[in-house]
Amino acid sequence: MQPFETPAAEEKAAEITLETPDSNVPEADALPDFLKDGEKETVDWSISLAEENIPSAGTGFASEAAGSDTPAEAKYDLAEMYLEIGDRDAAAETVKELLEEAEGDVLKRAQTLAQELGI
């Protein structure tokens, strides 16, 4: 389909002139001083990483990263965090899981927390 042209549009198009530069290369005066002598600037973009500066991922529990020694301790910490943000329901669910899974000191602390929550 051909675009519809009017005689007025053809006349206006004939009046339009475009001026383009002869080249895309800037004038010598427009160049910074360090490039006027014709030398090319080079930049070393390589990166050297020393292996001793890269931390290892490790193979421990995620709870170790949070400062807990066992998954049960991490779960207890999570229950306390739920309480800190005011989510008593999530804290109660987490404590119920702890009462079934935990042992020793973590179990005792979970029982105390369960009493505070009225479980």
Protein backbone atom coordinates (compact mmCIF):
# COMPACT_ATOMS: atom_id res chain seq x y z
CA MET A 1 0.00 0.00 0.00
CA GLN A 2 1.40 3.40 -0.97
CA PRO A 3 1.25 6.26 1.54
CA PHE A 4 -1.16 8.99 0.62
CA GLU A 5 0.69 12.16 -0.32
CA THR A 6 -0.74 15.57 -0.94
CA PRO A 7 0.78 18.18 -3.23
CA ALA A 8 1.39 20.40 -0.18
CA ALA A 9 3.41 17.64 1.50
CA GLU A 10 5.50 17.16 -1.64
CA GLU A 11 6.27 20.89 -1.78
CA LYS A 12 7.35 20.98 1.87
CA ALA A 13 9.53 17.90 1.40
CA ALA A 14 11.32 19.58 -1.50
CA GLU A 15 12.18 22.55 0.75
CA ILE A 16 13.88 20.42 3.42
CA THR A 17 17.65 20.21 3.21
CA LEU A 18 19.91 18.25 5.47
CA GLU A 19 23.48 19.21 6.17
CA THR A 20 25.75 16.36 7.14
CA PRO A 21 29.39 16.59 8.12
CA ASP A 22 31.93 15.24 5.67
CA SER A 23 33.28 12.80 8.20
CA ASN A 24 32.60 11.34 11.63
CA VAL A 25 36.17 12.12 12.69
CA PRO A 26 36.40 15.20 14.93
CA GLU A 27 38.60 18.11 13.97
CA ALA A 28 42.15 17.98 15.37
CA ASP A 29 41.38 21.03 17.53
CA ALA A 30 38.46 19.18 19.14
CA LEU A 31 40.68 16.33 20.37
CA PRO A 32 42.13 16.35 23.88
CA ASP A 33 45.83 17.25 24.02
CA PHE A 34 46.96 13.72 24.86
CA LEU A 35 45.42 12.41 21.61
CA LYS A 36 46.67 15.14 19.26
CA ASP A 37 50.07 13.51 18.72
CA GLY A 38 48.40 10.50 17.07
CA GLU A 39 49.16 8.05 19.85
CA LYS A 40 46.42 5.76 20.99
CA GLU A 41 45.56 5.50 24.64
CA THR A 42 45.48 1.97 25.99
CA VAL A 43 43.77 0.79 29.13
CA ASP A 44 44.50 -2.46 30.92
CA TRP A 45 41.05 -3.87 31.73
CA SER A 46 42.29 -7.19 33.13
CA ILE A 47 41.43 -8.11 36.69
CA SER A 48 43.59 -10.28 38.90
CA LEU A 49 41.95 -11.95 41.88
CA ALA A 50 44.13 -13.60 44.46
CA GLU A 51 42.60 -16.90 45.55
CA GLU A 52 43.31 -16.27 49.22
CA ASN A 53 40.91 -13.28 49.12
CA ILE A 54 37.97 -15.36 47.91
CA PRO A 55 35.92 -16.81 50.79
CA SER A 56 34.95 -20.46 50.50
CA ALA A 57 31.31 -21.40 50.48
CA GLY A 58 31.80 -24.06 53.14
CA THR A 59 29.54 -27.03 53.67
CA GLY A 60 27.96 -26.21 57.03
CA PHE A 61 24.35 -25.63 57.91
CA ALA A 62 22.74 -22.34 57.00
CA SER A 63 22.24 -21.94 60.74
CA GLU A 64 26.00 -21.75 61.20
CA ALA A 65 26.01 -18.58 59.13
CA ALA A 66 23.36 -17.16 61.47
CA GLY A 67 25.43 -18.01 64.54
CA SER A 68 23.57 -21.19 65.55
CA ASP A 69 25.31 -24.54 65.99
CA THR A 70 22.42 -26.86 65.13
CA PRO A 71 19.25 -26.75 63.04
CA ALA A 72 17.21 -26.90 66.27
CA GLU A 73 19.00 -23.82 67.62
CA ALA A 74 18.40 -22.05 64.32
CA LYS A 75 14.71 -22.93 64.53
CA TYR A 76 14.57 -21.61 68.10
CA ASP A 77 16.21 -18.36 66.93
CA LEU A 78 13.62 -18.18 64.17
CA ALA A 79 10.79 -18.54 66.68
CA GLU A 80 12.26 -15.66 68.70
CA MET A 81 12.56 -13.54 65.55
CA TYR A 82 8.89 -14.19 64.77
CA LEU A 83 8.04 -12.89 68.23
CA GLU A 84 10.21 -9.81 67.73
CA ILE A 85 8.26 -8.86 64.61
CA GLY A 86 4.93 -9.63 66.28
CA ASP A 87 4.04 -12.81 64.38
CA ARG A 88 2.86 -14.96 67.32
CA ASP A 89 1.19 -17.56 65.06
CA ALA A 90 4.40 -18.31 63.15
CA ALA A 91 6.34 -18.37 66.43
CA ALA A 92 3.85 -20.83 67.92
CA GLU A 93 4.06 -23.15 64.89
CA THR A 94 7.84 -23.08 65.04
CA VAL A 95 7.85 -23.82 68.78
CA LYS A 96 5.45 -26.75 68.25
CA GLU A 97 7.91 -28.21 65.74
CA LEU A 98 10.74 -27.68 68.22
CA LEU A 99 8.87 -29.52 70.97
CA GLU A 100 8.83 -32.58 68.70
CA GLU A 101 12.37 -32.29 67.30
CA ALA A 102 14.64 -30.59 69.83
CA GLU A 103 16.69 -32.12 72.61
CA GLY A 104 18.54 -30.89 75.69
CA ASP A 105 18.91 -27.18 76.29
CA VAL A 106 17.06 -26.19 73.12
CA LEU A 107 14.09 -28.33 74.16
CA LYS A 108 14.03 -26.70 77.62
CA ARG A 109 14.10 -23.23 76.07
CA ALA A 110 11.38 -24.23 73.59
CA GLN A 111 9.20 -25.48 76.48
CA THR A 112 9.64 -22.16 78.29
CA LEU A 113 8.75 -20.26 75.13
CA ALA A 114 5.73 -22.52 74.61
CA GLN A 115 4.47 -21.62 78.11
CA GLU A 116 4.91 -17.91 77.35
CA LEU A 117 2.89 -18.36 74.16
CA GLY A 118 0.21 -20.38 75.96
CA ILE A 119 0.72 -23.52 73.91
